Amino acid sequence: MNTPIKNPTLFFVLGILSILAGTVYAIMLIAGNSAQDGLLGIYILFSLVLVLFAVIIDRLLVRKFGNQKVNKVQFSFLLLIVLLWIIRAILNWL
């Protein structure tokens, strides 16, 4: 049987970690004293739905194309984002 944990990818690992950390942080904020903290916790929970969709799409792509091809695309996407972030930092510095 091909389990999801057997074929980890970059977005799968980051998605699961962000879901776990976001859920814990959102629960702490919702249980807080102020209404602003509770509202921020609810916003975090709503954003975790998008992360869950990304993890589901990642698992579908791994099933269709394989683990290595999906990892190559995800790492190249991550490198593109880092490159754009560095370019922005350089242009803001000038």
N, C-alpha and C. Protein backbone atom coordinates (compact mmCIF):
# COMPACT_ATOMS: atom_id res chain seq x y z
N MET A 1 0.84 -1.18 0.00
CA MET A 1 0.00 0.00 0.00
C MET A 1 0.88 1.24 0.00
N ASN A 2 0.53 2.21 -0.79
CA ASN A 2 1.29 3.43 -0.95
C ASN A 2 0.73 4.49 -0.01
N THR A 3 1.37 4.71 1.12
CA THR A 3 0.88 5.67 2.10
C THR A 3 1.42 7.06 1.80
N PRO A 4 0.72 8.13 2.21
CA PRO A 4 1.21 9.49 1.96
C PRO A 4 2.51 9.80 2.67
N ILE A 5 2.77 9.17 3.80
CA ILE A 5 3.99 9.45 4.54
C ILE A 5 5.19 8.80 3.86
N LYS A 6 4.95 7.79 3.05
CA LYS A 6 6.04 7.09 2.36
C LYS A 6 6.67 7.96 1.28
N ASN A 7 5.91 8.87 0.68
CA ASN A 7 6.41 9.74 -0.39
C ASN A 7 6.32 11.21 0.03
N PRO A 8 7.17 11.68 0.94
CA PRO A 8 7.06 13.08 1.35
C PRO A 8 7.60 14.02 0.27
N THR A 9 6.97 15.16 0.16
CA THR A 9 7.43 16.22 -0.72
C THR A 9 7.60 17.49 0.10
N LEU A 10 8.15 18.51 -0.52
CA LEU A 10 8.40 19.77 0.18
C LEU A 10 7.10 20.39 0.67
N PHE A 11 6.11 20.51 -0.21
CA PHE A 11 4.86 21.14 0.19
C PHE A 11 4.07 20.29 1.17
N PHE A 12 4.20 18.98 1.09
CA PHE A 12 3.52 18.10 2.03
C PHE A 12 4.06 18.30 3.45
N VAL A 13 5.38 18.31 3.57
CA VAL A 13 5.99 18.47 4.90
C VAL A 13 5.70 19.85 5.46
N LEU A 14 5.90 20.89 4.64
CA LEU A 14 5.63 22.24 5.10
C LEU A 14 4.15 22.46 5.40
N GLY A 15 3.28 21.84 4.61
CA GLY A 15 1.85 21.96 4.84
C GLY A 15 1.41 21.32 6.14
N ILE A 16 1.90 20.12 6.41
CA ILE A 16 1.54 19.44 7.65
C ILE A 16 2.08 20.21 8.86
N LEU A 17 3.32 20.71 8.77
CA LEU A 17 3.88 21.49 9.87
C LEU A 17 3.10 22.78 10.10
N SER A 18 2.70 23.45 9.03
CA SER A 18 1.95 24.69 9.19
C SER A 18 0.54 24.43 9.71
N ILE A 19 -0.06 23.31 9.33
CA ILE A 19 -1.37 22.97 9.87
C ILE A 19 -1.28 22.71 11.37
N LEU A 20 -0.27 21.96 11.79
CA LEU A 20 -0.11 21.68 13.21
C LEU A 20 0.19 22.95 14.01
N ALA A 21 1.16 23.72 13.56
CA ALA A 21 1.53 24.94 14.28
C ALA A 21 0.41 25.97 14.24
N GLY A 22 -0.26 26.11 13.09
CA GLY A 22 -1.35 27.07 12.98
C GLY A 22 -2.53 26.72 13.85
N THR A 23 -2.84 25.44 13.95
CA THR A 23 -3.95 25.02 14.79
C THR A 23 -3.66 25.30 16.26
N VAL A 24 -2.46 24.97 16.70
CA VAL A 24 -2.10 25.23 18.09
C VAL A 24 -2.12 26.73 18.39
N TYR A 25 -1.54 27.53 17.52
CA TYR A 25 -1.49 28.97 17.72
C TYR A 25 -2.89 29.59 17.66
N ALA A 26 -3.72 29.10 16.75
CA ALA A 26 -5.09 29.64 16.65
C ALA A 26 -5.90 29.31 17.90
N ILE A 27 -5.74 28.12 18.43
CA ILE A 27 -6.46 27.76 19.66
C ILE A 27 -6.00 28.64 20.82
N MET A 28 -4.70 28.90 20.89
CA MET A 28 -4.20 29.78 21.94
C MET A 28 -4.76 31.19 21.79
N LEU A 29 -4.87 31.67 20.56
CA LEU A 29 -5.40 33.02 20.34
C LEU A 29 -6.90 33.09 20.62
N ILE A 30 -7.64 32.06 20.21
CA ILE A 30 -9.08 32.07 20.44
C ILE A 30 -9.39 32.03 21.93
N ALA A 31 -8.57 31.35 22.69
CA ALA A 31 -8.77 31.27 24.13
C ALA A 31 -8.21 32.50 24.85
N GLY A 32 -7.69 33.46 24.13
CA GLY A 32 -7.10 34.65 24.74
C GLY A 32 -8.15 35.59 25.32
N ASN A 33 -7.68 36.72 25.80
CA ASN A 33 -8.55 37.65 26.51
C ASN A 33 -9.25 38.66 25.60
N SER A 34 -8.61 39.08 24.55
CA SER A 34 -9.18 40.16 23.75
C SER A 34 -9.91 39.61 22.53
N ALA A 35 -10.81 40.42 22.02
CA ALA A 35 -11.58 40.04 20.83
C ALA A 35 -10.69 40.04 19.59
N GLN A 36 -9.69 40.92 19.55
CA GLN A 36 -8.78 40.96 18.40
C GLN A 36 -7.98 39.67 18.30
N ASP A 37 -7.57 39.13 19.44
CA ASP A 37 -6.83 37.86 19.42
C ASP A 37 -7.71 36.73 18.92
N GLY A 38 -8.95 36.69 19.37
CA GLY A 38 -9.87 35.66 18.91
C GLY A 38 -10.14 35.74 17.43
N LEU A 39 -10.29 36.98 16.94
CA LEU A 39 -10.52 37.16 15.50
C LEU A 39 -9.31 36.73 14.69
N LEU A 40 -8.10 37.03 15.16
CA LEU A 40 -6.90 36.58 14.48
C LEU A 40 -6.80 35.06 14.47
N GLY A 41 -7.20 34.42 15.56
CA GLY A 41 -7.21 32.96 15.61
C GLY A 41 -8.18 32.37 14.60
N ILE A 42 -9.33 33.00 14.43
CA ILE A 42 -10.30 32.52 13.44
C ILE A 42 -9.76 32.72 12.03
N TYR A 43 -9.09 33.84 11.77
CA TYR A 43 -8.47 34.07 10.46
C TYR A 43 -7.42 33.01 10.15
N ILE A 44 -6.64 32.66 11.15
CA ILE A 44 -5.62 31.63 10.96
C ILE A 44 -6.27 30.30 10.62
N LEU A 45 -7.36 29.96 11.32
CA LEU A 45 -8.05 28.70 11.02
C LEU A 45 -8.61 28.69 9.61
N PHE A 46 -9.15 29.83 9.14
CA PHE A 46 -9.65 29.88 7.78
C PHE A 46 -8.53 29.76 6.75
N SER A 47 -7.35 30.31 7.06
CA SER A 47 -6.24 30.19 6.12
C SER A 47 -5.69 28.77 6.07
N LEU A 48 -5.89 28.00 7.11
CA LEU A 48 -5.43 26.62 7.11
C LEU A 48 -6.22 25.75 6.14
N VAL A 49 -7.42 26.19 5.77
CA VAL A 49 -8.20 25.46 4.77
C VAL A 49 -7.47 25.50 3.42
N LEU A 50 -6.88 26.64 3.09
CA LEU A 50 -6.12 26.75 1.84
C LEU A 50 -4.88 25.86 1.87
N VAL A 51 -4.24 25.77 3.02
CA VAL A 51 -3.07 24.89 3.15
C VAL A 51 -3.50 23.44 2.98
N LEU A 52 -4.64 23.08 3.52
CA LEU A 52 -5.16 21.72 3.37
C LEU A 52 -5.44 21.41 1.91
N PHE A 53 -5.99 22.36 1.16
CA PHE A 53 -6.21 22.15 -0.28
C PHE A 53 -4.89 21.96 -1.01
N ALA A 54 -3.85 22.72 -0.63
CA ALA A 54 -2.55 22.57 -1.27
C ALA A 54 -1.95 21.20 -0.99
N VAL A 55 -2.14 20.69 0.22
CA VAL A 55 -1.64 19.36 0.56
C VAL A 55 -2.39 18.29 -0.22
N ILE A 56 -3.70 18.46 -0.38
CA ILE A 56 -4.49 17.49 -1.14
C ILE A 56 -4.08 17.49 -2.61
N ILE A 57 -3.88 18.68 -3.18
CA ILE A 57 -3.44 18.77 -4.58
C ILE A 57 -2.04 18.16 -4.72
N ASP A 58 -1.18 18.39 -3.74
CA ASP A 58 0.15 17.80 -3.76
C ASP A 58 0.07 16.28 -3.77
N ARG A 59 -0.77 15.71 -2.97
CA ARG A 59 -0.90 14.25 -2.92
C ARG A 59 -1.46 13.70 -4.24
N LEU A 60 -2.39 14.43 -4.86
CA LEU A 60 -2.91 13.99 -6.16
C LEU A 60 -1.83 14.03 -7.24
N LEU A 61 -1.00 15.07 -7.21
CA LEU A 61 0.08 15.18 -8.19
C LEU A 61 1.16 14.12 -7.96
N VAL A 62 1.43 13.79 -6.70
CA VAL A 62 2.40 12.73 -6.42
C VAL A 62 1.87 11.40 -6.91
N ARG A 63 0.59 11.15 -6.74
CA ARG A 63 0.02 9.89 -7.20
C ARG A 63 0.07 9.80 -8.74
N LYS A 64 -0.13 10.94 -9.42
CA LYS A 64 -0.17 10.91 -10.88
C LYS A 64 1.23 10.93 -11.50
N PHE A 65 2.14 11.80 -11.01
CA PHE A 65 3.43 12.00 -11.67
C PHE A 65 4.61 11.37 -10.94
N GLY A 66 4.46 11.07 -9.68
CA GLY A 66 5.57 10.50 -8.93
C GLY A 66 6.23 11.52 -8.02
N ASN A 67 6.92 10.99 -7.05
CA ASN A 67 7.50 11.81 -5.99
C ASN A 67 8.66 12.69 -6.50
N GLN A 68 9.54 12.13 -7.31
CA GLN A 68 10.72 12.86 -7.74
C GLN A 68 10.39 14.03 -8.67
N LYS A 69 9.47 13.83 -9.58
CA LYS A 69 9.11 14.91 -10.50
C LYS A 69 8.41 16.05 -9.77
N VAL A 70 7.55 15.72 -8.84
CA VAL A 70 6.84 16.75 -8.10
C VAL A 70 7.81 17.52 -7.21
N ASN A 71 8.77 16.82 -6.61
CA ASN A 71 9.76 17.50 -5.77
C ASN A 71 10.62 18.45 -6.59
N LYS A 72 10.99 18.08 -7.81
CA LYS A 72 11.78 18.96 -8.66
C LYS A 72 11.01 20.25 -8.96
N VAL A 73 9.74 20.12 -9.28
CA VAL A 73 8.92 21.30 -9.59
C VAL A 73 8.75 22.16 -8.35
N GLN A 74 8.53 21.54 -7.20
CA GLN A 74 8.33 22.31 -5.98
C GLN A 74 9.60 23.04 -5.55
N PHE A 75 10.76 22.39 -5.67
CA PHE A 75 12.01 23.06 -5.32
C PHE A 75 12.32 24.19 -6.30
N SER A 76 12.02 24.01 -7.58
CA SER A 76 12.25 25.10 -8.53
C SER A 76 11.30 26.25 -8.25
N PHE A 77 10.07 25.97 -7.87
CA PHE A 77 9.13 27.03 -7.49
C PHE A 77 9.62 27.77 -6.25
N LEU A 78 10.13 27.03 -5.28
CA LEU A 78 10.66 27.65 -4.07
C LEU A 78 11.87 28.51 -4.39
N LEU A 79 12.75 28.04 -5.26
CA LEU A 79 13.92 28.83 -5.64
C LEU A 79 13.52 30.09 -6.39
N LEU A 80 12.47 30.02 -7.21
CA LEU A 80 11.98 31.21 -7.90
C LEU A 80 11.46 32.24 -6.90
N ILE A 81 10.72 31.79 -5.90
CA ILE A 81 10.21 32.70 -4.88
C ILE A 81 11.36 33.34 -4.11
N VAL A 82 12.38 32.56 -3.75
CA VAL A 82 13.53 33.09 -3.03
C VAL A 82 14.29 34.09 -3.90
N LEU A 83 14.45 33.79 -5.18
CA LEU A 83 15.12 34.70 -6.10
C LEU A 83 14.36 36.02 -6.20
N LEU A 84 13.05 35.96 -6.33
CA LEU A 84 12.26 37.19 -6.40
C LEU A 84 12.34 37.98 -5.10
N TRP A 85 12.41 37.29 -3.98
CA TRP A 85 12.53 37.95 -2.69
C TRP A 85 13.88 38.65 -2.57
N ILE A 86 14.94 38.02 -3.05
CA ILE A 86 16.27 38.63 -3.01
C ILE A 86 16.32 39.84 -3.93
N ILE A 87 15.73 39.74 -5.12
CA ILE A 87 15.69 40.87 -6.05
C ILE A 87 14.94 42.04 -5.44
N ARG A 88 13.83 41.76 -4.76
CA ARG A 88 13.07 42.82 -4.09
C ARG A 88 13.90 43.49 -3.00
N ALA A 89 14.63 42.69 -2.23
CA ALA A 89 15.45 43.23 -1.16
C ALA A 89 16.57 44.12 -1.73
N ILE A 90 17.17 43.68 -2.82
CA ILE A 90 18.22 44.48 -3.45
C ILE A 90 17.66 45.78 -4.00
N LEU A 91 16.53 45.72 -4.65
CA LEU A 91 15.93 46.94 -5.20
C LEU A 91 15.45 47.89 -4.12
N ASN A 92 15.00 47.37 -3.00
CA ASN A 92 14.63 48.26 -1.88
C ASN A 92 15.85 48.89 -1.25
N TRP A 93 16.98 48.20 -1.31
CA TRP A 93 18.21 48.72 -0.72
C TRP A 93 18.76 49.87 -1.56
N LEU A 94 18.56 49.80 -2.88
CA LEU A 94 19.09 50.84 -3.77
C LEU A 94 18.34 52.10 -3.66
